[in-house]
């Protein structure tokens, strides 16, 4: 599960879901009796697999949601900075025009 979460953080949810499926089969092959084979599927195996998939998918989904929020916030900050910059340019042009008009009248 830790590897899937790290992959979700670094590379996104698609590769994390692929890692989830691969790690389930590798974990069942190497760490569930009889070792070195996929053997019979028992009720206990199904419950463990469901628990693993559910918890990991929830964690991957939460990470993906947080990363999208971070991206949106960064994008919003850039837009706000650009708007501020354009408003400052417009104000500078307006001040320059007003100064010209004021100096011509005096």
PDB file of N, CA and C in Angstrom:
ATOM      1  N   UNK A   1       0.827  -1.183   0.000  1.00  0.00           N
ATOM      2  CA  UNK A   1       0.000   0.000   0.000  1.00  0.00           C
ATOM      3  C   UNK A   1       0.873   1.248   0.000  1.00  0.00           C
ATOM      4  N   UNK A   2       1.966   1.222   0.720  1.00  0.00           N
ATOM      5  CA  UNK A   2       2.862   2.373   0.779  1.00  0.00           C
ATOM      6  C   UNK A   2       3.435   2.673  -0.604  1.00  0.00           C
ATOM      7  N   UNK A   3       3.815   1.643  -1.314  1.00  0.00           N
ATOM      8  CA  UNK A   3       4.350   1.846  -2.664  1.00  0.00           C
ATOM      9  C   UNK A   3       3.300   2.470  -3.577  1.00  0.00           C
ATOM     10  N   UNK A   4       2.064   2.037  -3.463  1.00  0.00           N
ATOM     11  CA  UNK A   4       0.986   2.602  -4.292  1.00  0.00           C
ATOM     12  C   UNK A   4       0.755   4.068  -3.966  1.00  0.00           C
ATOM     13  N   UNK A   5       0.820   4.423  -2.685  1.00  0.00           N
ATOM     14  CA  UNK A   5       0.631   5.812  -2.285  1.00  0.00           C
ATOM     15  C   UNK A   5       1.791   6.678  -2.789  1.00  0.00           C
ATOM     16  N   UNK A   6       2.990   6.174  -2.686  1.00  0.00           N
ATOM     17  CA  UNK A   6       4.152   6.931  -3.179  1.00  0.00           C
ATOM     18  C   UNK A   6       4.052   7.126  -4.685  1.00  0.00           C
ATOM     19  N   UNK A   7       3.659   6.094  -5.403  1.00  0.00           N
ATOM     20  CA  UNK A   7       3.498   6.224  -6.852  1.00  0.00           C
ATOM     21  C   UNK A   7       2.380   7.209  -7.177  1.00  0.00           C
ATOM     22  N   UNK A   8       1.313   7.214  -6.387  1.00  0.00           N
ATOM     23  CA  UNK A   8       0.225   8.176  -6.609  1.00  0.00           C
ATOM     24  C   UNK A   8       0.716   9.603  -6.414  1.00  0.00           C
ATOM     25  N   UNK A   9       1.554   9.816  -5.424  1.00  0.00           N
ATOM     26  CA  UNK A   9       2.097  11.158  -5.172  1.00  0.00           C
ATOM     27  C   UNK A   9       3.019  11.581  -6.294  1.00  0.00           C
ATOM     28  N   UNK A  10       3.888  10.696  -6.716  1.00  0.00           N
ATOM     29  CA  UNK A  10       4.911  11.067  -7.696  1.00  0.00           C
ATOM     30  C   UNK A  10       4.414  11.047  -9.139  1.00  0.00           C
ATOM     31  N   UNK A  11       3.580  10.058  -9.510  1.00  0.00           N
ATOM     32  CA  UNK A  11       3.273   9.841 -10.919  1.00  0.00           C
ATOM     33  C   UNK A  11       1.778   9.890 -11.276  1.00  0.00           C
ATOM     34  N   UNK A  12       0.898   9.966 -10.298  1.00  0.00           N
ATOM     35  CA  UNK A  12      -0.520  10.062 -10.604  1.00  0.00           C
ATOM     36  C   UNK A  12      -1.287   8.791 -10.290  1.00  0.00           C
ATOM     37  N   UNK A  13      -2.592   8.915 -10.386  1.00  0.00           N
ATOM     38  CA  UNK A  13      -3.453   7.821  -9.952  1.00  0.00           C
ATOM     39  C   UNK A  13      -3.479   6.633 -10.919  1.00  0.00           C
ATOM     40  N   UNK A  14      -3.250   6.871 -12.212  1.00  0.00           N
ATOM     41  CA  UNK A  14      -3.328   5.749 -13.165  1.00  0.00           C
ATOM     42  C   UNK A  14      -2.240   4.711 -12.897  1.00  0.00           C
ATOM     43  N   UNK A  15      -1.016   5.176 -12.733  1.00  0.00           N
ATOM     44  CA  UNK A  15       0.067   4.235 -12.430  1.00  0.00           C
ATOM     45  C   UNK A  15      -0.093   3.639 -11.035  1.00  0.00           C
ATOM     46  N   UNK A  16      -0.676   4.405 -10.117  1.00  0.00           N
ATOM     47  CA  UNK A  16      -0.902   3.875  -8.771  1.00  0.00           C
ATOM     48  C   UNK A  16      -1.923   2.736  -8.797  1.00  0.00           C
ATOM     49  N   UNK A  17      -2.951   2.872  -9.620  1.00  0.00           N
ATOM     50  CA  UNK A  17      -3.932   1.782  -9.732  1.00  0.00           C
ATOM     51  C   UNK A  17      -3.313   0.546 -10.381  1.00  0.00           C
ATOM     52  N   UNK A  18      -2.440   0.757 -11.360  1.00  0.00           N
ATOM     53  CA  UNK A  18      -1.716  -0.366 -11.956  1.00  0.00           C
ATOM     54  C   UNK A  18      -0.831  -1.036 -10.910  1.00  0.00           C
ATOM     55  N   UNK A  19      -0.155  -0.238 -10.111  1.00  0.00           N
ATOM     56  CA  UNK A  19       0.671  -0.772  -9.022  1.00  0.00           C
ATOM     57  C   UNK A  19      -0.181  -1.547  -8.027  1.00  0.00           C
ATOM     58  N   UNK A  20      -1.384  -1.075  -7.778  1.00  0.00           N
ATOM     59  CA  UNK A  20      -2.304  -1.750  -6.863  1.00  0.00           C
ATOM     60  C   UNK A  20      -2.624  -3.161  -7.346  1.00  0.00           C
ATOM     61  N   UNK A  21      -2.957  -3.291  -8.604  1.00  0.00           N
ATOM     62  CA  UNK A  21      -3.302  -4.607  -9.156  1.00  0.00           C
ATOM     63  C   UNK A  21      -2.089  -5.530  -9.158  1.00  0.00           C
ATOM     64  N   UNK A  22      -0.950  -4.998  -9.595  1.00  0.00           N
ATOM     65  CA  UNK A  22       0.270  -5.825  -9.643  1.00  0.00           C
ATOM     66  C   UNK A  22       0.683  -6.257  -8.238  1.00  0.00           C
ATOM     67  N   UNK A  23       0.643  -5.319  -7.285  1.00  0.00           N
ATOM     68  CA  UNK A  23       1.069  -5.659  -5.928  1.00  0.00           C
ATOM     69  C   UNK A  23       0.129  -6.670  -5.276  1.00  0.00           C
ATOM     70  N   UNK A  24      -1.139  -6.627  -5.629  1.00  0.00           N
ATOM     71  CA  UNK A  24      -2.067  -7.629  -5.081  1.00  0.00           C
ATOM     72  C   UNK A  24      -1.683  -9.034  -5.532  1.00  0.00           C
ATOM     73  N   UNK A  25      -1.431  -9.180  -6.829  1.00  0.00           N
ATOM     74  CA  UNK A  25      -1.078 -10.515  -7.325  1.00  0.00           C
ATOM     75  C   UNK A  25       0.294 -10.962  -6.840  1.00  0.00           C
ATOM     76  N   UNK A  26       1.260 -10.059  -6.803  1.00  0.00           N
ATOM     77  CA  UNK A  26       2.585 -10.438  -6.294  1.00  0.00           C
ATOM     78  C   UNK A  26       2.530 -10.762  -4.805  1.00  0.00           C
ATOM     79  N   UNK A  27       1.753  -9.988  -4.052  1.00  0.00           N
ATOM     80  CA  UNK A  27       1.610 -10.272  -2.627  1.00  0.00           C
ATOM     81  C   UNK A  27       0.942 -11.608  -2.382  1.00  0.00           C
ATOM     82  N   UNK A  28      -0.084 -11.907  -3.159  1.00  0.00           N
ATOM     83  CA  UNK A  28      -0.762 -13.205  -3.021  1.00  0.00           C
ATOM     84  C   UNK A  28       0.163 -14.355  -3.406  1.00  0.00           C
ATOM     85  N   UNK A  29       0.989 -14.142  -4.401  1.00  0.00           N
ATOM     86  CA  UNK A  29       1.882 -15.200  -4.873  1.00  0.00           C
ATOM     87  C   UNK A  29       2.993 -15.486  -3.869  1.00  0.00           C
ATOM     88  N   UNK A  30       3.590 -14.424  -3.311  1.00  0.00           N
ATOM     89  CA  UNK A  30       4.766 -14.620  -2.466  1.00  0.00           C
ATOM     90  C   UNK A  30       4.464 -14.701  -0.967  1.00  0.00           C
ATOM     91  N   UNK A  31       3.372 -14.137  -0.488  1.00  0.00           N
ATOM     92  CA  UNK A  31       3.184 -14.011   0.954  1.00  0.00           C
ATOM     93  C   UNK A  31       1.944 -14.703   1.515  1.00  0.00           C
ATOM     94  N   UNK A  32       1.182 -15.398   0.679  1.00  0.00           N
ATOM     95  CA  UNK A  32       0.002 -16.118   1.155  1.00  0.00           C
ATOM     96  C   UNK A  32       0.237 -17.611   0.924  1.00  0.00           C
ATOM     97  N   UNK A  33      -0.113 -18.397   1.961  1.00  0.00           N
ATOM     98  CA  UNK A  33       0.077 -19.848   1.829  1.00  0.00           C
ATOM     99  C   UNK A  33      -0.884 -20.389   0.793  1.00  0.00           C
ATOM    100  N   UNK A  34      -0.531 -21.336  -0.022  1.00  0.00           N
ATOM    101  CA  UNK A  34       0.790 -21.919  -0.250  1.00  0.00           C
ATOM    102  C   UNK A  34       1.686 -20.944  -1.012  1.00  0.00           C
ATOM    103  N   UNK A  35       2.878 -20.734  -0.469  1.00  0.00           N
ATOM    104  CA  UNK A  35       3.820 -19.768  -1.043  1.00  0.00           C
ATOM    105  C   UNK A  35       4.269 -20.223  -2.426  1.00  0.00           C
ATOM    106  N   UNK A  36       4.449 -19.290  -3.333  1.00  0.00           N
ATOM    107  CA  UNK A  36       4.943 -19.605  -4.663  1.00  0.00           C
ATOM    108  C   UNK A  36       3.865 -20.053  -5.631  1.00  0.00           C
ATOM    109  N   UNK A  37       2.610 -19.920  -5.253  1.00  0.00           N
ATOM    110  CA  UNK A  37       1.522 -20.257  -6.173  1.00  0.00           C
ATOM    111  C   UNK A  37       0.317 -19.395  -5.797  1.00  0.00           C
ATOM    112  N   UNK A  38      -0.619 -19.291  -6.724  1.00  0.00           N
ATOM    113  CA  UNK A  38      -1.809 -18.504  -6.446  1.00  0.00           C
ATOM    114  C   UNK A  38      -2.881 -19.316  -5.740  1.00  0.00           C
ATOM    115  N   UNK A  39      -2.836 -20.634  -5.817  1.00  0.00           N
ATOM    116  CA  UNK A  39      -3.689 -21.527  -5.048  1.00  0.00           C
ATOM    117  C   UNK A  39      -5.173 -21.208  -5.096  1.00  0.00           C
ATOM    118  N   UNK A  40      -5.913 -21.826  -4.156  1.00  0.00           N
ATOM    119  CA  UNK A  40      -7.351 -21.630  -4.067  1.00  0.00           C
ATOM    120  C   UNK A  40      -7.660 -20.279  -3.438  1.00  0.00           C
ATOM    121  N   UNK A  41      -8.776 -19.709  -3.854  1.00  0.00           N
ATOM    122  CA  UNK A  41      -9.233 -18.453  -3.267  1.00  0.00           C
ATOM    123  C   UNK A  41     -10.240 -18.782  -2.181  1.00  0.00           C
ATOM    124  N   UNK A  42      -9.941 -18.344  -0.969  1.00  0.00           N
ATOM    125  CA  UNK A  42     -10.843 -18.583   0.160  1.00  0.00           C
ATOM    126  C   UNK A  42     -11.588 -17.291   0.501  1.00  0.00           C
ATOM    127  N   UNK A  43     -12.539 -17.407   1.401  1.00  0.00           N
ATOM    128  CA  UNK A  43     -13.298 -16.240   1.843  1.00  0.00           C
ATOM    129  C   UNK A  43     -12.386 -15.237   2.526  1.00  0.00           C
ATOM    130  N   UNK A  44     -11.453 -15.733   3.304  1.00  0.00           N
ATOM    131  CA  UNK A  44     -10.489 -14.863   3.981  1.00  0.00           C
ATOM    132  C   UNK A  44      -9.649 -14.091   2.968  1.00  0.00           C
ATOM    133  N   UNK A  45      -9.255 -14.767   1.896  1.00  0.00           N
ATOM    134  CA  UNK A  45      -8.487 -14.084   0.842  1.00  0.00           C
ATOM    135  C   UNK A  45      -9.305 -12.979   0.194  1.00  0.00           C
ATOM    136  N   UNK A  46     -10.570 -13.237  -0.048  1.00  0.00           N
ATOM    137  CA  UNK A  46     -11.434 -12.226  -0.660  1.00  0.00           C
ATOM    138  C   UNK A  46     -11.626 -11.025   0.256  1.00  0.00           C
ATOM    139  N   UNK A  47     -11.791 -11.280   1.552  1.00  0.00           N
ATOM    140  CA  UNK A  47     -11.957 -10.184   2.508  1.00  0.00           C
ATOM    141  C   UNK A  47     -10.690  -9.345   2.577  1.00  0.00           C
ATOM    142  N   UNK A  48      -9.525 -10.001   2.621  1.00  0.00           N
ATOM    143  CA  UNK A  48      -8.259  -9.269   2.652  1.00  0.00           C
ATOM    144  C   UNK A  48      -8.043  -8.482   1.367  1.00  0.00           C
ATOM    145  N   UNK A  49      -8.371  -9.066   0.236  1.00  0.00           N
ATOM    146  CA  UNK A  49      -8.212  -8.374  -1.041  1.00  0.00           C
ATOM    147  C   UNK A  49      -9.139  -7.169  -1.111  1.00  0.00           C
ATOM    148  N   UNK A  50     -10.391  -7.335  -0.683  1.00  0.00           N
ATOM    149  CA  UNK A  50     -11.333  -6.215  -0.691  1.00  0.00           C
ATOM    150  C   UNK A  50     -10.846  -5.104   0.225  1.00  0.00           C
ATOM    151  N   UNK A  51     -10.382  -5.469   1.410  1.00  0.00           N
ATOM    152  CA  UNK A  51      -9.870  -4.478   2.355  1.00  0.00           C
ATOM    153  C   UNK A  51      -8.671  -3.731   1.759  1.00  0.00           C
ATOM    154  N   UNK A  52      -7.743  -4.472   1.174  1.00  0.00           N
ATOM    155  CA  UNK A  52      -6.559  -3.866   0.557  1.00  0.00           C
ATOM    156  C   UNK A  52      -6.955  -2.920  -0.566  1.00  0.00           C
ATOM    157  N   UNK A  53      -7.822  -3.379  -1.466  1.00  0.00           N
ATOM    158  CA  UNK A  53      -8.244  -2.539  -2.585  1.00  0.00           C
ATOM    159  C   UNK A  53      -8.994  -1.298  -2.093  1.00  0.00           C
ATOM    160  N   UNK A  54      -9.908  -1.479  -1.153  1.00  0.00           N
ATOM    161  CA  UNK A  54     -10.725  -0.360  -0.683  1.00  0.00           C
ATOM    162  C   UNK A  54      -9.867   0.709  -0.014  1.00  0.00           C
ATOM    163  N   UNK A  55      -9.030   0.305   0.929  1.00  0.00           N
ATOM    164  CA  UNK A  55      -8.201   1.279   1.646  1.00  0.00           C
ATOM    165  C   UNK A  55      -7.220   1.971   0.708  1.00  0.00           C
ATOM    166  N   UNK A  56      -6.611   1.219  -0.174  1.00  0.00           N
ATOM    167  CA  UNK A  56      -5.632   1.807  -1.084  1.00  0.00           C
ATOM    168  C   UNK A  56      -6.296   2.732  -2.094  1.00  0.00           C
ATOM    169  N   UNK A  57      -7.444   2.362  -2.627  1.00  0.00           N
ATOM    170  CA  UNK A  57      -8.145   3.224  -3.579  1.00  0.00           C
ATOM    171  C   UNK A  57      -8.604   4.515  -2.899  1.00  0.00           C
ATOM    172  N   UNK A  58      -9.051   4.429  -1.666  1.00  0.00           N
ATOM    173  CA  UNK A  58      -9.440   5.639  -0.932  1.00  0.00           C
ATOM    174  C   UNK A  58      -8.225   6.545  -0.734  1.00  0.00           C
ATOM    175  N   UNK A  59      -7.082   5.969  -0.366  1.00  0.00           N
ATOM    176  CA  UNK A  59      -5.866   6.766  -0.176  1.00  0.00           C
ATOM    177  C   UNK A  59      -5.418   7.399  -1.491  1.00  0.00           C
ATOM    178  N   UNK A  60      -5.443   6.640  -2.564  1.00  0.00           N
ATOM    179  CA  UNK A  60      -5.059   7.176  -3.880  1.00  0.00           C
ATOM    180  C   UNK A  60      -6.017   8.281  -4.301  1.00  0.00           C
ATOM    181  N   UNK A  61      -7.304   8.075  -4.070  1.00  0.00           N
ATOM    182  CA  UNK A  61      -8.295   9.103  -4.410  1.00  0.00           C
ATOM    183  C   UNK A  61      -8.096  10.379  -3.612  1.00  0.00           C
ATOM    184  N   UNK A  62      -7.785  10.243  -2.327  1.00  0.00           N
ATOM    185  CA  UNK A  62      -7.548  11.427  -1.498  1.00  0.00           C
ATOM    186  C   UNK A  62      -6.306  12.180  -1.966  1.00  0.00           C
ATOM    187  N   UNK A  63      -5.275  11.455  -2.307  1.00  0.00           N
ATOM    188  CA  UNK A  63      -4.047  12.089  -2.794  1.00  0.00           C
ATOM    189  C   UNK A  63      -4.310  12.804  -4.114  1.00  0.00           C
ATOM    190  N   UNK A  64      -5.039  12.165  -5.007  1.00  0.00           N
ATOM    191  CA  UNK A  64      -5.349  12.782  -6.300  1.00  0.00           C
ATOM    192  C   UNK A  64      -6.176  14.051  -6.104  1.00  0.00           C
ATOM    193  N   UNK A  65      -7.146  13.998  -5.213  1.00  0.00           N
ATOM    194  CA  UNK A  65      -7.980  15.174  -4.925  1.00  0.00           C
ATOM    195  C   UNK A  65      -7.124  16.320  -4.380  1.00  0.00           C
ATOM    196  N   UNK A  66      -6.234  16.010  -3.448  1.00  0.00           N
ATOM    197  CA  UNK A  66      -5.364  17.035  -2.879  1.00  0.00           C
ATOM    198  C   UNK A  66      -4.426  17.626  -3.935  1.00  0.00           C
ATOM    199  N   UNK A  67      -3.896  16.789  -4.805  1.00  0.00           N
ATOM    200  CA  UNK A  67      -3.012  17.299  -5.851  1.00  0.00           C
ATOM    201  C   UNK A  67      -3.765  18.189  -6.830  1.00  0.00           C
ATOM    202  N   UNK A  68      -5.004  17.852  -7.135  1.00  0.00           N
ATOM    203  CA  UNK A  68      -5.796  18.709  -8.023  1.00  0.00           C
ATOM    204  C   UNK A  68      -6.122  20.040  -7.359  1.00  0.00           C
ATOM    205  N   UNK A  69      -6.383  20.015  -6.056  1.00  0.00           N
ATOM    206  CA  UNK A  69      -6.635  21.262  -5.332  1.00  0.00           C
ATOM    207  C   UNK A  69      -5.394  22.131  -5.330  1.00  0.00           C
ATOM    208  N   UNK A  70      -4.233  21.532  -5.106  1.00  0.00           N
ATOM    209  CA  UNK A  70      -2.975  22.293  -5.123  1.00  0.00           C
ATOM    210  C   UNK A  70      -2.748  22.903  -6.500  1.00  0.00           C
ATOM    211  N   UNK A  71      -2.970  22.128  -7.555  1.00  0.00           N
ATOM    212  CA  UNK A  71      -2.796  22.645  -8.914  1.00  0.00           C
ATOM    213  C   UNK A  71      -3.751  23.804  -9.177  1.00  0.00           C
ATOM    214  N   UNK A  72      -5.007  23.652  -8.751  1.00  0.00           N
ATOM    215  CA  UNK A  72      -6.001  24.704  -8.952  1.00  0.00           C
ATOM    216  C   UNK A  72      -5.604  25.972  -8.205  1.00  0.00           C
ATOM    217  N   UNK A  73      -5.103  25.822  -6.984  1.00  0.00           N
ATOM    218  CA  UNK A  73      -4.690  26.987  -6.209  1.00  0.00           C
ATOM    219  C   UNK A  73      -3.515  27.704  -6.866  1.00  0.00           C
ATOM    220  N   UNK A  74      -2.547  26.957  -7.359  1.00  0.00           N
ATOM    221  CA  UNK A  74      -1.406  27.570  -8.047  1.00  0.00           C
ATOM    222  C   UNK A  74      -1.862  28.294  -9.312  1.00  0.00           C
ATOM    223  N   UNK A  75      -2.777  27.680 -10.046  1.00  0.00           N
ATOM    224  CA  UNK A  75      -3.301  28.299 -11.256  1.00  0.00           C
ATOM    225  C   UNK A  75      -4.064  29.577 -10.915  1.00  0.00           C
ATOM    226  N   UNK A  76      -4.848  29.532  -9.859  1.00  0.00           N
ATOM    227  CA  UNK A  76      -5.611  30.703  -9.430  1.00  0.00           C
ATOM    228  C   UNK A  76      -4.676  31.838  -9.013  1.00  0.00           C
ATOM    229  N   UNK A  77      -3.593  31.523  -8.328  1.00  0.00           N
ATOM    230  CA  UNK A  77      -2.617  32.545  -7.935  1.00  0.00           C
ATOM    231  C   UNK A  77      -1.996  33.176  -9.169  1.00  0.00           C
ATOM    232  N   UNK A  78      -1.647  32.380 -10.162  1.00  0.00           N
ATOM    233  CA  UNK A  78      -1.081  32.937 -11.404  1.00  0.00           C
ATOM    234  C   UNK A  78      -2.063  33.870 -12.103  1.00  0.00           C
ATOM    235  N   UNK A  79      -3.326  33.457 -12.166  1.00  0.00           N
ATOM    236  CA  UNK A  79      -4.344  34.291 -12.813  1.00  0.00           C
ATOM    237  C   UNK A  79      -4.501  35.601 -12.057  1.00  0.00           C
ATOM    238  N   UNK A  80      -4.528  35.527 -10.734  1.00  0.00           N
ATOM    239  CA  UNK A  80      -4.670  36.742  -9.939  1.00  0.00           C
ATOM    240  C   UNK A  80      -3.465  37.669 -10.124  1.00  0.00           C
ATOM    241  N   UNK A  81      -2.272  37.109 -10.206  1.00  0.00           N
ATOM    242  CA  UNK A  81      -1.083  37.930 -10.429  1.00  0.00           C
ATOM    243  C   UNK A  81      -1.134  38.603 -11.797  1.00  0.00           C
ATOM    244  N   UNK A  82      -1.563  37.873 -12.814  1.00  0.00           N
ATOM    245  CA  UNK A  82      -1.677  38.460 -14.150  1.00  0.00           C
ATOM    246  C   UNK A  82      -2.727  39.564 -14.187  1.00  0.00           C
ATOM    247  N   UNK A  83      -3.837  39.348 -13.525  1.00  0.00           N
ATOM    248  CA  UNK A  83      -4.870  40.387 -13.474  1.00  0.00           C
ATOM    249  C   UNK A  83      -4.364  41.623 -12.749  1.00  0.00           C
ATOM    250  N   UNK A  84      -3.648  41.411 -11.658  1.00  0.00           N
ATOM    251  CA  UNK A  84      -3.099  42.543 -10.921  1.00  0.00           C
ATOM    252  C   UNK A  84      -2.104  43.313 -11.784  1.00  0.00           C
ATOM    253  N   UNK A  85      -1.264  42.589 -12.483  1.00  0.00           N
ATOM    254  CA  UNK A  85      -0.268  43.232 -13.346  1.00  0.00           C
ATOM    255  C   UNK A  85      -0.960  44.037 -14.450  1.00  0.00           C
ATOM    256  N   UNK A  86      -1.990  43.468 -15.065  1.00  0.00           N
ATOM    257  CA  UNK A  86      -2.682  44.189 -16.136  1.00  0.00           C
ATOM    258  C   UNK A  86      -3.422  45.411 -15.583  1.00  0.00           C
ATOM    259  N   UNK A  87      -3.998  45.298 -14.379  1.00  0.00           N
ATOM    260  CA  UNK A  87      -4.659  46.454 -13.779  1.00  0.00           C
ATOM    261  C   UNK A  87      -3.653  47.550 -13.442  1.00  0.00           C
ATOM    262  N   UNK A  88      -2.469  47.165 -12.993  1.00  0.00           N
ATOM    263  CA  UNK A  88      -1.437  48.166 -12.717  1.00  0.00           C
ATOM    264  C   UNK A  88      -0.999  48.872 -13.997  1.00  0.00           C
ATOM    265  N   UNK A  89      -0.863  48.141 -15.083  1.00  0.00           N
ATOM    266  CA  UNK A  89      -0.519  48.767 -16.364  1.00  0.00           C
ATOM    267  C   UNK A  89      -1.599  49.750 -16.790  1.00  0.00           C
ATOM    268  N   UNK A  90      -2.851  49.339 -16.647  1.00  0.00           N
ATOM    269  CA  UNK A  90      -3.956  50.234 -17.016  1.00  0.00           C
ATOM    270  C   UNK A  90      -3.965  51.482 -16.145  1.00  0.00           C
ATOM    271  N   UNK A  91      -3.711  51.329 -14.860  1.00  0.00           N
ATOM    272  CA  UNK A  91      -3.669  52.485 -13.978  1.00  0.00           C
ATOM    273  C   UNK A  91      -2.501  53.396 -14.302  1.00  0.00           C
ATOM    274  N   UNK A  92      -1.367  52.813 -14.644  1.00  0.00           N
ATOM    275  CA  UNK A  92      -0.212  53.622 -15.020  1.00  0.00           C
ATOM    276  C   UNK A  92      -0.495  54.431 -16.284  1.00  0.00           C
ATOM    277  N   UNK A  93      -1.148  53.806 -17.242  1.00  0.00           N
ATOM    278  CA  UNK A  93      -1.499  54.521 -18.473  1.00  0.00           C
ATOM    279  C   UNK A  93      -2.471  55.653 -18.160  1.00  0.00           C
ATOM    280  N   UNK A  94      -3.445  55.388 -17.319  1.00  0.00           N
ATOM    281  CA  UNK A  94      -4.418  56.413 -16.939  1.00  0.00           C
ATOM    282  C   UNK A  94      -3.733  57.565 -16.198  1.00  0.00           C
ATOM    283  N   UNK A  95      -2.853  57.278 -15.270  1.00  0.00           N
ATOM    284  CA  UNK A  95      -2.121  58.323 -14.542  1.00  0.00           C
ATOM    285  C   UNK A  95      -1.261  59.130 -15.505  1.00  0.00           C
ATOM    286  N   UNK A  96      -0.626  58.456 -16.432  1.00  0.00           N
ATOM    287  CA  UNK A  96       0.209  59.161 -17.409  1.00  0.00           C
ATOM    288  C   UNK A  96      -0.637  60.115 -18.259  1.00  0.00           C
ATOM    289  N   UNK A  97      -1.810  59.670 -18.703  1.00  0.00           N
ATOM    290  CA  UNK A  97      -2.706  60.519 -19.487  1.00  0.00           C
ATOM    291  C   UNK A  97      -3.198  61.704 -18.653  1.00  0.00           C
ATOM    292  N   UNK A  98      -3.538  61.445 -17.408  1.00  0.00           N
ATOM    293  CA  UNK A  98      -4.000  62.527 -16.536  1.00  0.00           C
ATOM    294  C   UNK A  98      -2.903  63.553 -16.287  1.00  0.00           C
ATOM    295  N   UNK A  99      -1.683  63.112 -16.122  1.00  0.00           N
ATOM    296  CA  UNK A  99      -0.563  64.039 -15.929  1.00  0.00           C
ATOM    297  C   UNK A  99      -0.350  64.893 -17.172  1.00  0.00           C
ATOM    298  N   UNK A 100      -0.452  64.256 -18.342  1.00  0.00           N
ATOM    299  CA  UNK A 100      -0.296  65.023 -19.578  1.00  0.00           C
ATOM    300  C   UNK A 100      -1.371  66.096 -19.668  1.00  0.00           C
ATOM    301  N   UNK A 101      -2.621  65.686 -19.401  1.00  0.00           N
ATOM    302  CA  UNK A 101      -3.731  66.650 -19.472  1.00  0.00           C
ATOM    303  C   UNK A 101      -3.558  67.752 -18.423  1.00  0.00           C
ATOM    304  N   UNK A 102      -3.098  67.409 -17.248  1.00  0.00           N
ATOM    305  CA  UNK A 102      -2.946  68.403 -16.199  1.00  0.00           C
ATOM    306  C   UNK A 102      -1.831  69.388 -16.521  1.00  0.00           C
ATOM    307  N   UNK A 103      -0.717  68.879 -17.071  1.00  0.00           N
ATOM    308  CA  UNK A 103       0.405  69.767 -17.395  1.00  0.00           C
ATOM    309  C   UNK A 103       0.077  70.659 -18.587  1.00  0.00           C
ATOM    310  N   UNK A 104      -0.743  70.191 -19.513  1.00  0.00           N
ATOM    311  CA  UNK A 104      -1.129  71.005 -20.663  1.00  0.00           C
ATOM    312  C   UNK A 104      -2.090  72.133 -20.268  1.00  0.00           C
ATOM    313  N   UNK A 105      -2.908  71.881 -19.262  1.00  0.00           N
ATOM    314  CA  UNK A 105      -3.864  72.896 -18.824  1.00  0.00           C
ATOM    315  C   UNK A 105      -3.162  73.999 -18.040  1.00  0.00           C
ATOM    316  N   UNK A 106      -2.106  73.671 -17.349  1.00  0.00           N
ATOM    317  CA  UNK A 106      -1.409  74.679 -16.551  1.00  0.00           C
ATOM    318  C   UNK A 106      -0.365  75.303 -17.390  1.00  0.00           C
TER     319      UNK A 106
END
